Amino acid sequence: MGRTVMPFSFVLAEERGRWKGFRKGLSKEDQEAFDRLFDRAKFHTAAGVYMAHPYPLETILRIEFGPRQDRDFFR
């Protein structure tokens, strides 16, 4: 049987925790932008599950910047 995919909400929370130290080093304004990045990703959990990428931050960034016309950003 294949591997079970961990719920994206757990992946998102875990990834946010990994970047906690980085966030603390940001200015207040940048911390708010950083928080918005993760908050917006919550609205796209289905897309995150389907991607099931080994690097969760890449999934989060693709969710945030995916709808934009500049799709070559990640290539």
C-alpha atoms as a PDB file:
ATOM      1  CA  MET A   1       0.000   0.000   0.000  1.00  0.00           C
ATOM      2  CA  GLY A   2       1.192   3.549  -0.718  1.00  0.00           C
ATOM      3  CA  ARG A   3       2.208   6.153   1.781  1.00  0.00           C
ATOM      4  CA  THR A   4      -0.467   8.196   3.469  1.00  0.00           C
ATOM      5  CA  VAL A   5      -0.317  11.906   2.739  1.00  0.00           C
ATOM      6  CA  MET A   6      -0.243  13.989   5.910  1.00  0.00           C
ATOM      7  CA  PRO A   7      -3.083  16.556   6.070  1.00  0.00           C
ATOM      8  CA  PHE A   8      -1.941  19.799   4.511  1.00  0.00           C
ATOM      9  CA  SER A   9      -3.092  21.763   7.552  1.00  0.00           C
ATOM     10  CA  PHE A  10      -0.525  19.816   9.614  1.00  0.00           C
ATOM     11  CA  VAL A  11       2.155  20.340   6.984  1.00  0.00           C
ATOM     12  CA  LEU A  12       1.367  24.050   6.935  1.00  0.00           C
ATOM     13  CA  ALA A  13       1.584  24.363  10.738  1.00  0.00           C
ATOM     14  CA  GLU A  14       4.824  22.390  10.831  1.00  0.00           C
ATOM     15  CA  GLU A  15       6.391  24.490   8.080  1.00  0.00           C
ATOM     16  CA  ARG A  16       5.322  27.714   9.783  1.00  0.00           C
ATOM     17  CA  GLY A  17       7.027  26.493  12.956  1.00  0.00           C
ATOM     18  CA  ARG A  18      10.234  25.743  11.050  1.00  0.00           C
ATOM     19  CA  TRP A  19      10.381  29.327   9.830  1.00  0.00           C
ATOM     20  CA  LYS A  20       9.645  30.831  13.271  1.00  0.00           C
ATOM     21  CA  GLY A  21      13.251  31.937  13.849  1.00  0.00           C
ATOM     22  CA  PHE A  22      13.428  33.561  10.426  1.00  0.00           C
ATOM     23  CA  ARG A  23      10.170  35.387  11.095  1.00  0.00           C
ATOM     24  CA  LYS A  24      11.505  36.815  14.358  1.00  0.00           C
ATOM     25  CA  GLY A  25      14.341  38.486  12.447  1.00  0.00           C
ATOM     26  CA  LEU A  26      11.964  40.340  10.134  1.00  0.00           C
ATOM     27  CA  SER A  27      10.631  43.838  10.634  1.00  0.00           C
ATOM     28  CA  LYS A  28       7.072  44.159  11.952  1.00  0.00           C
ATOM     29  CA  GLU A  29       5.774  44.961   8.467  1.00  0.00           C
ATOM     30  CA  ASP A  30       7.559  41.970   6.949  1.00  0.00           C
ATOM     31  CA  GLN A  31       6.321  39.713   9.749  1.00  0.00           C
ATOM     32  CA  GLU A  32       2.766  40.680   8.831  1.00  0.00           C
ATOM     33  CA  ALA A  33       3.431  39.894   5.153  1.00  0.00           C
ATOM     34  CA  PHE A  34       5.005  36.570   6.155  1.00  0.00           C
ATOM     35  CA  ASP A  35       1.940  35.730   8.257  1.00  0.00           C
ATOM     36  CA  ARG A  36      -0.373  36.605   5.357  1.00  0.00           C
ATOM     37  CA  LEU A  37       1.543  34.174   3.141  1.00  0.00           C
ATOM     38  CA  PHE A  38       0.746  31.279   5.471  1.00  0.00           C
ATOM     39  CA  ASP A  39      -2.778  32.515   6.235  1.00  0.00           C
ATOM     40  CA  ARG A  40      -3.670  32.615   2.538  1.00  0.00           C
ATOM     41  CA  ALA A  41      -2.303  29.115   2.026  1.00  0.00           C
ATOM     42  CA  LYS A  42      -4.960  27.833   4.461  1.00  0.00           C
ATOM     43  CA  PHE A  43      -7.639  28.696   1.897  1.00  0.00           C
ATOM     44  CA  HIS A  44      -6.066  26.347  -0.642  1.00  0.00           C
ATOM     45  CA  THR A  45      -5.605  23.169   1.348  1.00  0.00           C
ATOM     46  CA  ALA A  46      -7.063  20.968  -1.407  1.00  0.00           C
ATOM     47  CA  ALA A  47      -4.462  22.220  -3.875  1.00  0.00           C
ATOM     48  CA  GLY A  48      -1.737  21.683  -1.282  1.00  0.00           C
ATOM     49  CA  VAL A  49      -2.804  18.087  -0.725  1.00  0.00           C
ATOM     50  CA  TYR A  50      -2.817  17.324  -4.431  1.00  0.00           C
ATOM     51  CA  MET A  51       0.675  18.736  -4.867  1.00  0.00           C
ATOM     52  CA  ALA A  52       2.085  16.735  -1.926  1.00  0.00           C
ATOM     53  CA  HIS A  53       5.515  18.188  -2.678  1.00  0.00           C
ATOM     54  CA  PRO A  54       8.463  17.063  -0.529  1.00  0.00           C
ATOM     55  CA  TYR A  55       9.319  20.733   0.122  1.00  0.00           C
ATOM     56  CA  PRO A  56       6.219  22.255   1.763  1.00  0.00           C
ATOM     57  CA  LEU A  57       7.411  25.847   1.370  1.00  0.00           C
ATOM     58  CA  GLU A  58       7.440  25.405  -2.396  1.00  0.00           C
ATOM     59  CA  THR A  59       3.816  24.278  -2.261  1.00  0.00           C
ATOM     60  CA  ILE A  60       2.917  27.320  -0.129  1.00  0.00           C
ATOM     61  CA  LEU A  61       4.675  29.683  -2.523  1.00  0.00           C
ATOM     62  CA  ARG A  62       3.041  28.086  -5.550  1.00  0.00           C
ATOM     63  CA  ILE A  63      -0.350  28.524  -3.894  1.00  0.00           C
ATOM     64  CA  GLU A  64       0.368  32.186  -3.207  1.00  0.00           C
ATOM     65  CA  PHE A  65       1.864  33.079  -6.567  1.00  0.00           C
ATOM     66  CA  GLY A  66       0.243  30.438  -8.778  1.00  0.00           C
ATOM     67  CA  PRO A  67      -2.825  32.427  -9.880  1.00  0.00           C
ATOM     68  CA  ARG A  68      -0.611  35.206 -11.215  1.00  0.00           C
ATOM     69  CA  GLN A  69       0.021  35.485 -14.937  1.00  0.00           C
ATOM     70  CA  ASP A  70       3.768  35.107 -14.423  1.00  0.00           C
ATOM     71  CA  ARG A  71       3.749  31.321 -14.113  1.00  0.00           C
ATOM     72  CA  ASP A  72       7.398  31.003 -15.199  1.00  0.00           C
ATOM     73  CA  PHE A  73       8.458  32.429 -11.817  1.00  0.00           C
ATOM     74  CA  PHE A  74       9.115  28.954 -10.415  1.00  0.00           C
ATOM     75  CA  ARG A  75      10.846  27.406 -13.433  1.00  0.00           C
END
